[in-house]
């Protein structure tokens, strides 16, 4: 089995691709994989670190407002498509899959024009411009939220879930707890605003630090590397509670997720795939700075099923955050109800589902 994978820009596009590659290798040890990304994207580091064959094209995304830069983007798309065709012809894949980001545009389009089976994987409830464009040309469209199917040709859509959901099942929760020196018999809430953090969440956390120290549960707060020094400077104004752990970043996040009882986070698709796979209740604060406000729509899909509380950034403050955490962690009945609702939404077999789509197209080709 020879597979070209393309996806880039953010971890939300890259980590599902890496999880899928792991599943391909698990099923077919002789499989050959070529990943096509951009040199400046996060994928150039993450994919190479995994030892996966990696090639690049030069492409940028369209501006949503009228801009002269879009003319340059069209030119780069045409050049990128030509380069992608060269790479694809040399590699001779059985199937090509795009997991999102503008780099997928020329890669998947080139494959479709070469009559090679193609798939796109849409992680969010609202697709971006690239996947909307590619949906006209690909053979199959894999989705993670039912809401996404309304944007695509129905006969092409198949619900697979996010492959990242499968990765978090291979965890060591005890190691996660020990890495943060967590008390084994206390409930734990993890508060995280993403790799770069989120200022409103930081401010809300700092406003309740004194009250958190009096709670029966423990708190792990991930500030993001950008905000860590500021938070720690502000902490000097408070007595650091013994039940509060503050970190700039957590590298063993899957293990830590297995050791906690509640998460306060943004509503990126990969995060939601991970927490539902584990059955974690959540308090979601969607980022208002993403395309098509897709995080809020992602979050509402969990809230409507009773698995999460959703708070807009504009309405979230320390007092509200503390009340929401208390509501979940101080009531076993509330926690268990949300846990089961979250678990019901999880798709731990997502990687296998997506692999089956690729394998079926390969057999038919």
Foldseek 3Di string as FASTA:
>chain_A
DEEEEEEWADPLQVVLRVLLVVVVCVVPVPYAYEYEYACPTPCVPVVVVVVHHYDYADADDDDPDDDPVVVVRVVSLVVLLVVLLVVCVVRVGQEYEYRDDPSVQSNQVSCLVVVHAYEYEALFLDRDPRCLVCLVRHQAYEYADPSNCVSHDNVRYDYQHRSLLQVLVPAALVVLCVVQVADQPAAEEEEAEPQQADVQSLQQCLVCQVVQLVDRHAYEYAHHQNCQVVSVVSCVVDDHRPRYHYHPDDPRVSNNLLNHAEYEYEQRSSVLQHCLSQLHAYEYAHDPPDPPSRRVVSVVVLVVLLQYHYDYSVRDHNVVVVVVVCVQRVDPVSSVSNSVSSPVSHDNCSSVSVVVVSVVSSVVD
